[in-house]
Amino acid sequence: MSAPFTAALSAAGQLARSLADPDTAWPGGRPTGGRAWPQSLAGGASGIALLHIERARSGHGSWDTAHSWLTTALYGEVSAAANASLFFGAPALAFITHRAADASRRYDHVLKRLDEATSVVTRNRLAEARRRLDRAALPPMQEFDLIQGLSGLAAHHLSRHAHDDLTHESLAYLVRLTEPITDTASLPPWWMTVAPTGAPDPDYPGGHGNFGLAHGIGSALSVLSLALLRDVAVAGMAEAVERICAWTDQWRQGHETAPWWPGLLSVEQATSNEVHPSLRPRPSWCYGIAGTARAQQLAGLALRDPARIHAAENAVLATLRDPAQLNALSGIGLCHGTAGLLHAAWRMATETGSAPINAELPRLTERLINTLPQHNHDPELLDGTAGAALVLHTLGSGSAPAPHWDTFLALA
C-alpha cells in the first residue's frame, strides 16, 4: 500500500475515534432537531452510524461502537411520513441497518419492520407520482430527486432486493419520468416547476432543469444504469438512459479532453441554447463533475458506449489535474467538498482500472488529509468528518464491499 493510502487509513481511524461516543461527538452537546435529527442520514446519528458500521464490517472498527450509534439513530418514533426518504426516517434507517444486518443477525427483526415501513413510504410516493404523470404535469423536485424523492428510494430498493416487485415498480417510474409530456415538448419531462431551492422563486418563473446527482436527473441516470448493469429486467430502461444522455449531450461543454456539464439551467438559458462559462459548477458530488462524470461513466457501461466512458473519465481526470477546479471545492465533505470528488474518482478508477485517474488519487488524498486539521468540522456524514472518514477508510482499505455504503450517493 502506498504512503498516502496508509495515511488515509490512519486518518480515518483518528476521525472515527473522535466520533466514537454519541454523547460527545457534537461540540456543545448533541443537537435535538433540524438536519441533525437522529434519523437524518445527512446530518444526524444515522450518518455517523454508517461510518462505524462500515469500519466494523471491514474489521477496522468495533461493533460495540457501531451498535451504540445505531441505537442512537433508532431511538424514538421512526418517521414514515410524507417527508421520509433515503436521507430521512424509516428508509434512511433501513439503509444503514441493512448494512449492519449483512454482518450480524441481531438486527434482522428491526430491519424487517423498517423494510415494511419503507415499502409503505415508497408505494405512497409512487402513487402520488403516477397521479402527477397522468395529469401530464411537470414534477416538483421532491418527487424524483435522490435526497427527498424516488430516485433515492429506488437506489435503496435496488441495493436491498434488486429483483423484488417494488424495486421494479420504482425503476418503472424512473423510466416513465423520462417519457415525453406532450404539452411541454420543448423541455425535458423531468424539468422541475421550482427553483433549485425546491420552492417557487421569482428568479425562476419557468422552473429549472437540473443535471446533478443530489437533486437532478443525474440520480435517475445513475440508478437506471446500475439496474441495467445488474441485469434487472424492467422494460424501457435502456431507452430511458439514452433519453437522459441525449439531453446531457446537448448541454455538454468544454472539449474532448476536458468536458463538463452545467449544474442546472433556467428556461431563459435553455431557450438561448447557450451556456456561459460562469455556469460551470464547482467539481462537487451534488452538482459538479464528481457526480455527473460518474453518472456518465455508469451510463456508458450500461449502454456499452466506450466513447461515453472515455468522455466521463476525461472529465474527472482533467478536473483532478486542474488546481483552479480543486480550489473551488468547499471544505472536506462528500456533498460540496474534496471527499466527494476523491470518492467519485476512486469509484471511476476502480470500475474500469483507469491508470491515469488512479495516478492522481494519492495527491488528492494528501490534500484532504492536510485540510482536516485546518478548521473545526461538523461531525456529520454529508458535509463533515464522518463522510471524509468514510472516504479515507475506503481509500485506505481499498474496498467498499456490497451492500455498498455509497449507494446513498448514487455512485454504486
Protein backbone atom coordinates (compact mmCIF):
# COMPACT_ATOMS: atom_id res chain seq x y z
CA MET A 1 0.00 0.00 0.00
CA SER A 2 1.37 3.45 -0.93
CA ALA A 3 2.12 6.01 1.78
CA PRO A 4 -0.89 8.27 1.05
CA PHE A 5 -3.30 5.36 1.33
CA THR A 6 -1.64 4.14 4.54
CA ALA A 7 -2.03 7.67 5.86
CA ALA A 8 -5.65 7.65 4.71
CA LEU A 9 -6.46 4.57 6.78
CA SER A 10 -4.71 6.10 9.78
CA ALA A 11 -6.55 9.42 9.39
CA ALA A 12 -9.86 7.59 9.05
CA GLY A 13 -9.16 5.77 12.29
CA GLN A 14 -8.38 9.00 14.11
CA LEU A 15 -11.57 10.65 12.86
CA ALA A 16 -13.65 7.61 13.76
CA ARG A 17 -12.24 7.55 17.30
CA SER A 18 -13.15 11.21 17.71
CA LEU A 19 -16.73 10.24 16.79
CA ALA A 20 -16.91 7.11 18.93
CA ASP A 21 -19.27 8.43 21.61
CA PRO A 22 -22.70 9.75 20.58
CA ASP A 23 -22.76 11.93 23.70
CA THR A 24 -19.54 13.78 22.91
CA ALA A 25 -19.30 13.75 19.08
CA TRP A 26 -21.02 17.11 18.65
CA PRO A 27 -19.26 20.18 20.08
CA GLY A 28 -21.61 21.78 22.60
CA GLY A 29 -23.74 18.66 23.01
CA ARG A 30 -25.95 16.50 20.86
CA PRO A 31 -28.38 18.55 18.72
CA THR A 32 -32.06 17.80 19.04
CA GLY A 33 -33.60 18.73 15.70
CA GLY A 34 -33.30 20.06 12.18
CA ARG A 35 -30.76 18.49 9.83
CA ALA A 36 -29.07 16.81 12.79
CA TRP A 37 -32.21 14.89 13.86
CA PRO A 38 -31.04 11.33 14.70
CA GLN A 39 -32.93 9.80 11.75
CA SER A 40 -31.19 12.11 9.26
CA LEU A 41 -28.56 10.44 7.10
CA ALA A 42 -27.09 13.78 6.07
CA GLY A 43 -26.54 15.38 9.46
CA GLY A 44 -27.69 13.11 12.25
CA ALA A 45 -26.76 9.96 14.10
CA SER A 46 -27.79 7.76 11.16
CA GLY A 47 -24.97 9.09 9.03
CA ILE A 48 -22.32 8.70 11.73
CA ALA A 49 -23.64 5.19 12.42
CA LEU A 50 -22.93 4.34 8.76
CA LEU A 51 -19.25 5.22 9.27
CA HIS A 52 -18.91 2.91 12.25
CA ILE A 53 -20.90 0.12 10.60
CA GLU A 54 -18.58 0.17 7.58
CA ARG A 55 -15.48 0.13 9.76
CA ALA A 56 -16.86 -2.76 11.78
CA ARG A 57 -17.77 -4.68 8.62
CA SER A 58 -14.19 -4.37 7.39
CA GLY A 59 -12.63 -5.36 10.72
CA HIS A 60 -11.20 -1.90 11.38
CA GLY A 61 -13.78 -0.80 13.92
CA SER A 62 -15.81 -2.03 16.85
CA TRP A 63 -19.29 -3.49 16.53
CA ASP A 64 -20.00 -2.12 20.02
CA THR A 65 -19.39 1.41 18.72
CA ALA A 66 -21.49 0.76 15.63
CA HIS A 67 -24.30 -0.64 17.78
CA SER A 68 -24.18 2.38 20.08
CA TRP A 69 -24.62 4.75 17.15
CA LEU A 70 -27.29 2.59 15.51
CA THR A 71 -29.22 2.53 18.78
CA THR A 72 -28.98 6.32 18.94
CA ALA A 73 -30.25 6.64 15.37
CA LEU A 74 -33.18 4.28 16.05
CA TYR A 75 -34.24 5.96 19.28
CA GLY A 76 -37.76 7.37 19.39
CA GLU A 77 -40.63 7.21 16.95
CA VAL A 78 -39.46 6.38 13.42
CA SER A 79 -40.86 8.64 10.71
CA ALA A 80 -42.69 7.07 7.80
CA ALA A 81 -44.47 10.30 6.90
CA ALA A 82 -44.61 12.00 3.52
CA ASN A 83 -41.15 13.53 4.07
CA ALA A 84 -39.46 10.17 4.72
CA SER A 85 -36.77 9.38 2.16
CA LEU A 86 -33.42 7.71 1.65
CA PHE A 87 -31.97 10.57 3.69
CA PHE A 88 -34.55 10.66 6.49
CA GLY A 89 -36.80 8.45 8.57
CA ALA A 90 -37.60 4.78 8.00
CA PRO A 91 -35.84 4.46 4.60
CA ALA A 92 -32.62 6.02 5.94
CA LEU A 93 -32.69 3.72 8.96
CA ALA A 94 -33.45 0.70 6.75
CA PHE A 95 -30.49 1.66 4.58
CA ILE A 96 -27.96 1.72 7.41
CA THR A 97 -29.48 -1.25 9.26
CA HIS A 98 -29.28 -3.36 6.10
CA ARG A 99 -25.53 -2.86 6.12
CA ALA A 100 -25.30 -3.85 9.78
CA ALA A 101 -27.60 -6.87 9.31
CA ASP A 102 -25.38 -8.06 6.47
CA ALA A 103 -22.80 -8.88 9.14
CA SER A 104 -24.96 -9.62 12.20
CA ARG A 105 -28.32 -11.37 12.59
CA ARG A 106 -29.10 -9.33 15.72
CA TYR A 107 -30.67 -6.65 13.51
CA ASP A 108 -32.97 -8.91 11.46
CA HIS A 109 -36.14 -8.09 13.42
CA VAL A 110 -35.72 -4.33 13.36
CA LEU A 111 -34.73 -4.44 9.69
CA LYS A 112 -37.92 -6.34 8.85
CA ARG A 113 -40.02 -3.60 10.47
CA LEU A 114 -38.02 -0.86 8.75
CA ASP A 115 -38.39 -2.62 5.39
CA GLU A 116 -42.16 -2.75 5.87
CA ALA A 117 -42.32 0.97 6.70
CA THR A 118 -40.07 1.83 3.75
CA SER A 119 -42.29 -0.16 1.39
CA VAL A 120 -45.33 1.82 2.56
CA VAL A 121 -43.45 5.11 2.05
CA THR A 122 -42.36 4.05 -1.45
CA ARG A 123 -45.81 2.88 -2.55
CA ASN A 124 -47.37 6.12 -1.35
CA ARG A 125 -44.79 8.18 -3.19
CA LEU A 126 -45.22 6.13 -6.36
CA ALA A 127 -48.99 6.58 -6.25
CA GLU A 128 -48.58 10.35 -5.90
CA ALA A 129 -46.08 10.46 -8.78
CA ARG A 130 -48.36 8.44 -11.05
CA ARG A 131 -51.20 10.86 -10.43
CA ARG A 132 -48.93 13.71 -11.49
CA LEU A 133 -47.81 11.83 -14.58
CA ASP A 134 -51.40 11.08 -15.51
CA ARG A 135 -52.06 14.85 -15.44
CA ALA A 136 -49.07 15.38 -17.79
CA ALA A 137 -47.69 17.95 -15.34
CA LEU A 138 -44.03 18.68 -14.71
CA PRO A 139 -42.58 17.28 -11.47
CA PRO A 140 -41.68 19.03 -8.24
CA MET A 141 -38.12 18.45 -7.04
CA GLN A 142 -39.09 16.23 -4.13
CA GLU A 143 -40.84 13.74 -6.41
CA PHE A 144 -37.79 12.22 -8.05
CA ASP A 145 -34.56 13.60 -6.60
CA LEU A 146 -32.09 11.45 -4.68
CA ILE A 147 -32.29 13.16 -1.29
CA GLN A 148 -36.04 13.56 -0.97
CA GLY A 149 -37.57 11.51 -3.75
CA LEU A 150 -38.00 8.33 -5.70
CA SER A 151 -34.51 8.12 -7.19
CA GLY A 152 -33.21 7.70 -3.65
CA LEU A 153 -35.87 5.17 -2.74
CA ALA A 154 -35.20 3.25 -5.97
CA ALA A 155 -31.48 3.22 -5.19
CA HIS A 156 -32.21 1.73 -1.76
CA HIS A 157 -34.56 -0.94 -3.09
CA LEU A 158 -32.10 -1.85 -5.86
CA SER A 159 -29.41 -2.33 -3.22
CA ARG A 160 -31.71 -4.12 -0.78
CA HIS A 161 -33.59 -6.51 -3.09
CA ALA A 162 -32.82 -5.92 -6.74
CA HIS A 163 -35.41 -8.26 -8.24
CA ASP A 164 -38.43 -7.60 -6.00
CA ASP A 165 -41.66 -6.18 -7.37
CA LEU A 166 -41.31 -2.85 -5.55
CA THR A 167 -37.83 -2.36 -6.96
CA HIS A 168 -39.22 -2.97 -10.45
CA GLU A 169 -42.09 -0.54 -9.82
CA SER A 170 -39.66 2.14 -8.64
CA LEU A 171 -37.47 1.69 -11.70
CA ALA A 172 -40.51 1.65 -13.99
CA TYR A 173 -41.45 5.05 -12.54
CA LEU A 174 -37.99 6.41 -13.39
CA VAL A 175 -38.44 5.10 -16.94
CA ARG A 176 -41.81 6.84 -17.21
CA LEU A 177 -40.28 10.03 -15.79
CA THR A 178 -38.15 10.29 -18.95
CA GLU A 179 -41.03 9.82 -21.40
CA PRO A 180 -42.13 12.99 -23.22
CA ILE A 181 -45.01 15.10 -21.92
CA THR A 182 -46.98 16.41 -24.91
CA ASP A 183 -47.72 19.89 -23.58
CA THR A 184 -44.10 20.62 -22.68
CA ALA A 185 -42.29 19.12 -25.64
CA SER A 186 -39.70 21.92 -25.69
CA LEU A 187 -38.50 20.94 -22.21
CA PRO A 188 -37.45 17.51 -20.92
CA PRO A 189 -40.15 15.76 -18.89
CA TRP A 190 -38.00 15.95 -15.73
CA TRP A 191 -37.89 19.77 -15.93
CA MET A 192 -38.86 20.98 -12.45
CA THR A 193 -41.54 23.51 -11.70
CA VAL A 194 -39.49 25.13 -8.91
CA ALA A 195 -36.19 26.92 -8.27
CA PRO A 196 -33.05 25.00 -7.24
CA THR A 197 -34.12 25.53 -3.63
CA GLY A 198 -37.08 23.25 -4.25
CA ALA A 199 -39.60 26.09 -3.85
CA PRO A 200 -41.14 28.58 -6.30
CA ASP A 201 -38.98 31.66 -6.83
CA PRO A 202 -39.50 34.76 -8.99
CA ASP A 203 -35.93 34.34 -10.26
CA TYR A 204 -37.00 31.01 -11.81
CA PRO A 205 -40.51 31.71 -13.14
CA GLY A 206 -40.26 28.76 -15.51
CA GLY A 207 -38.62 26.40 -13.07
CA HIS A 208 -35.30 24.77 -13.97
CA GLY A 209 -33.59 21.74 -15.42
CA ASN A 210 -31.18 20.05 -13.02
CA PHE A 211 -28.24 17.82 -14.00
CA GLY A 212 -27.00 16.96 -10.51
CA LEU A 213 -26.97 13.75 -8.50
CA ALA A 214 -28.43 15.32 -5.37
CA HIS A 215 -31.50 16.99 -6.87
CA GLY A 216 -31.45 16.37 -10.61
CA ILE A 217 -31.76 13.86 -13.40
CA GLY A 218 -28.22 12.61 -12.75
CA SER A 219 -29.55 10.47 -9.90
CA ALA A 220 -32.11 8.76 -12.15
CA LEU A 221 -29.39 8.22 -14.78
CA SER A 222 -27.13 6.54 -12.24
CA VAL A 223 -29.83 4.35 -10.71
CA LEU A 224 -31.20 3.17 -14.06
CA SER A 225 -27.68 2.47 -15.32
CA LEU A 226 -26.84 0.48 -12.19
CA ALA A 227 -30.02 -1.54 -12.63
CA LEU A 228 -29.07 -2.34 -16.24
CA LEU A 229 -25.60 -3.39 -15.13
CA ARG A 230 -27.18 -5.73 -12.56
CA ASP A 231 -29.44 -7.32 -15.18
CA VAL A 232 -32.67 -6.17 -13.57
CA ALA A 233 -35.49 -6.83 -16.03
CA VAL A 234 -37.58 -3.67 -16.35
CA ALA A 235 -38.87 -2.67 -19.77
CA GLY A 236 -37.58 0.56 -21.28
CA MET A 237 -34.60 1.22 -19.00
CA ALA A 238 -32.00 1.34 -21.78
CA GLU A 239 -34.19 3.74 -23.76
CA ALA A 240 -34.66 5.92 -20.66
CA VAL A 241 -30.89 6.10 -20.14
CA GLU A 242 -30.48 7.05 -23.81
CA ARG A 243 -33.08 9.85 -23.47
CA ILE A 244 -31.31 11.32 -20.46
CA CYS A 245 -27.93 11.03 -22.19
CA ALA A 246 -29.26 12.81 -25.28
CA TRP A 247 -30.18 15.79 -23.10
CA THR A 248 -26.90 15.84 -21.19
CA ASP A 249 -25.01 15.53 -24.50
CA GLN A 250 -26.89 18.54 -25.84
CA TRP A 251 -25.58 20.68 -22.99
CA ARG A 252 -22.10 19.21 -22.58
CA GLN A 253 -19.43 21.91 -22.63
CA GLY A 254 -15.66 22.10 -22.90
CA HIS A 255 -13.71 19.93 -25.30
CA GLU A 256 -12.92 16.26 -25.76
CA THR A 257 -10.14 16.11 -23.19
CA ALA A 258 -11.93 18.23 -20.56
CA PRO A 259 -15.72 18.13 -20.93
CA TRP A 260 -18.11 19.45 -18.28
CA TRP A 261 -21.83 19.85 -17.73
CA PRO A 262 -23.76 22.73 -16.16
CA GLY A 263 -25.35 22.06 -12.81
CA LEU A 264 -28.70 23.48 -13.86
CA LEU A 265 -30.45 25.59 -16.50
CA SER A 266 -33.19 28.19 -16.34
CA VAL A 267 -35.84 28.48 -19.06
CA GLU A 268 -34.04 31.55 -20.41
CA GLN A 269 -30.76 29.67 -20.68
CA ALA A 270 -32.41 26.70 -22.32
CA THR A 271 -34.18 28.97 -24.81
CA SER A 272 -31.00 30.84 -25.72
CA ASN A 273 -29.23 27.49 -26.24
CA GLU A 274 -26.08 28.92 -24.70
CA VAL A 275 -24.21 28.01 -21.54
CA HIS A 276 -21.99 30.75 -20.17
CA PRO A 277 -18.69 29.51 -18.68
CA SER A 278 -19.75 31.02 -15.35
CA LEU A 279 -22.40 28.30 -15.13
CA ARG A 280 -19.71 25.67 -14.67
CA PRO A 281 -20.28 24.31 -11.15
CA ARG A 282 -17.53 23.51 -8.70
CA PRO A 283 -16.47 19.86 -9.14
CA SER A 284 -18.63 18.61 -6.28
CA TRP A 285 -20.72 15.48 -5.95
CA CYS A 286 -24.06 17.26 -5.69
CA TYR A 287 -23.96 19.35 -8.91
CA GLY A 288 -20.49 19.07 -10.40
CA ILE A 289 -18.08 16.74 -12.16
CA ALA A 290 -17.75 14.34 -9.23
CA GLY A 291 -21.37 13.33 -9.64
CA THR A 292 -22.10 13.99 -13.30
CA ALA A 293 -18.99 12.24 -14.62
CA ARG A 294 -19.69 9.11 -12.57
CA ALA A 295 -23.29 9.06 -13.84
CA GLN A 296 -22.00 9.35 -17.42
CA GLN A 297 -19.50 6.56 -16.86
CA LEU A 298 -22.21 4.27 -15.48
CA ALA A 299 -24.44 5.12 -18.45
CA GLY A 300 -21.60 4.35 -20.84
CA LEU A 301 -21.00 1.00 -19.18
CA ALA A 302 -24.72 0.17 -19.20
CA LEU A 303 -25.12 1.12 -22.89
CA ARG A 304 -21.75 -0.41 -23.91
CA ASP A 305 -20.69 3.01 -25.19
CA PRO A 306 -16.87 3.34 -24.98
CA ALA A 307 -16.93 6.97 -26.18
CA ARG A 308 -19.19 7.98 -23.27
CA ILE A 309 -17.00 6.15 -20.77
CA HIS A 310 -13.92 7.86 -22.20
CA ALA A 311 -15.54 11.32 -22.04
CA ALA A 312 -16.57 10.77 -18.42
CA GLU A 313 -13.11 9.67 -17.40
CA ASN A 314 -11.52 12.57 -19.29
CA ALA A 315 -13.82 14.95 -17.43
CA VAL A 316 -12.78 13.77 -13.99
CA LEU A 317 -9.11 13.41 -14.97
CA ALA A 318 -8.94 16.99 -16.24
CA THR A 319 -10.53 18.18 -13.01
CA LEU A 320 -8.07 16.27 -10.85
CA ARG A 321 -5.21 17.92 -12.74
CA ASP A 322 -6.63 21.47 -12.54
CA PRO A 323 -5.64 23.39 -9.37
CA ALA A 324 -8.27 26.05 -10.02
CA GLN A 325 -11.01 23.43 -10.04
CA LEU A 326 -9.72 21.78 -6.88
CA ASN A 327 -9.55 25.16 -5.14
CA ALA A 328 -13.21 25.74 -5.99
CA LEU A 329 -14.29 22.91 -3.70
CA SER A 330 -15.79 23.94 -0.38
CA GLY A 331 -14.41 22.10 2.65
CA ILE A 332 -13.82 18.43 3.23
CA GLY A 333 -17.28 16.98 2.71
CA LEU A 334 -18.95 14.47 0.45
CA CYS A 335 -21.53 16.92 -0.89
CA HIS A 336 -19.61 20.10 -1.63
CA GLY A 337 -16.03 19.22 -0.80
CA THR A 338 -12.89 17.25 -1.52
CA ALA A 339 -14.14 13.94 -0.14
CA GLY A 340 -16.92 13.76 -2.73
CA LEU A 341 -14.58 14.24 -5.66
CA LEU A 342 -12.00 11.86 -4.22
CA HIS A 343 -14.51 9.09 -3.71
CA ALA A 344 -16.18 9.50 -7.10
CA ALA A 345 -12.76 9.42 -8.77
CA TRP A 346 -11.85 6.28 -6.81
CA ARG A 347 -15.10 4.63 -7.87
CA MET A 348 -14.48 5.52 -11.51
CA ALA A 349 -10.88 4.30 -11.47
CA THR A 350 -11.84 1.09 -9.70
CA GLU A 351 -14.66 0.42 -12.16
CA THR A 352 -12.53 0.41 -15.30
CA GLY A 353 -8.98 0.19 -13.98
CA SER A 354 -8.12 3.68 -15.22
CA ALA A 355 -4.40 4.11 -14.60
CA PRO A 356 -4.38 7.91 -15.24
CA ILE A 357 -7.14 8.54 -12.67
CA ASN A 358 -5.50 6.14 -10.21
CA ALA A 359 -2.26 8.09 -10.54
CA GLU A 360 -4.00 11.29 -9.36
CA LEU A 361 -5.65 9.79 -6.28
CA PRO A 362 -2.64 9.96 -3.91
CA ARG A 363 -2.29 13.73 -4.40
CA LEU A 364 -5.97 14.39 -3.74
CA THR A 365 -5.84 12.05 -0.74
CA GLU A 366 -2.96 14.04 0.72
CA ARG A 367 -4.85 17.26 0.04
CA LEU A 368 -7.85 16.02 2.01
CA ILE A 369 -5.74 14.75 4.91
CA ASN A 370 -3.84 18.04 5.10
CA THR A 371 -7.10 20.01 5.17
CA LEU A 372 -8.56 18.12 8.14
CA PRO A 373 -6.70 19.98 10.94
CA GLN A 374 -7.28 23.44 9.47
CA HIS A 375 -10.84 24.00 10.75
CA ASN A 376 -13.35 22.71 13.23
CA HIS A 377 -15.58 20.48 11.14
CA ASP A 378 -19.12 19.33 11.81
CA PRO A 379 -19.21 15.58 12.59
CA GLU A 380 -21.99 14.87 10.06
CA LEU A 381 -21.89 12.49 7.12
CA LEU A 382 -22.76 14.66 4.13
CA ASP A 383 -20.51 17.67 4.71
CA GLY A 384 -18.44 16.79 7.77
CA THR A 385 -15.87 14.48 9.28
CA ALA A 386 -17.93 11.28 9.15
CA GLY A 387 -18.13 11.49 5.36
CA ALA A 388 -14.44 12.35 4.99
CA ALA A 389 -13.58 9.46 7.31
CA LEU A 390 -15.64 7.02 5.21
CA VAL A 391 -13.86 8.10 2.04
CA LEU A 392 -10.41 7.85 3.63
CA HIS A 393 -11.30 4.46 5.11
CA THR A 394 -12.38 3.24 1.67
CA LEU A 395 -9.20 4.54 0.02
CA GLY A 396 -7.03 3.08 2.76
CA SER A 397 -8.71 -0.33 2.84
CA GLY A 398 -9.07 -0.45 -0.94
CA SER A 399 -12.66 -1.69 -0.96
CA ALA A 400 -16.31 -0.83 -0.31
CA PRO A 401 -18.00 -4.23 -0.09
CA ALA A 402 -21.61 -4.80 -1.07
CA PRO A 403 -24.09 -3.71 0.07
CA HIS A 404 -22.23 -0.53 -0.87
CA TRP A 405 -22.29 2.39 1.57
CA ASP A 406 -22.08 4.89 -1.31
CA THR A 407 -25.42 3.76 -2.73
CA PHE A 408 -26.90 6.76 -0.92
CA LEU A 409 -24.78 8.96 -3.23
CA ALA A 410 -25.92 7.03 -6.33
CA LEU A 411 -22.28 6.20 -7.02
CA ALA A 412 -22.60 2.42 -6.64
